């Protein structure tokens, strides 16, 4: 069930963000990557594991760097980061002993991350450019910049 809920929610958020034009700015998906990565740190705090807090913070830092570079350079890096975070969710329990992680979280987060990454990839492919990914952003560029 967590897989289904992750897929449905990622699609619902993606479609809603597009319909409301929240995704016309480059910041939405990089922010999602950072926020979802940071939940593991929160779970480590809730679980009271200092070692897990350190490891989860380092992992979150890696994804934050990917999100930042992708935001500034190329949103395809954010696609890769979301999918990579989904892969990390799949093996997370083998990498980090974090007692605060709910049993359902890795499955939910993995499915959400992969679908969000796929949705962003679809949006980028439709606009043919990762630098200025969405139509509203394209229309805001000066004519000479196109």
Foldseek 3Di string as FASTA:
>chain_A
DLLVVLQVVLVVVLVVCVVVVVVQALQVLLVVQLVLLCVQLVLLVVQVPPVSNVVSVVVSVVSNVLSVCCSVPFVLSSLVSLQVVLVCLVCVVVVGVRVRDPPSPSSNSSSNSNNNSVSQVVQQVVQVGGNRRHPVSVVPDDPVVD
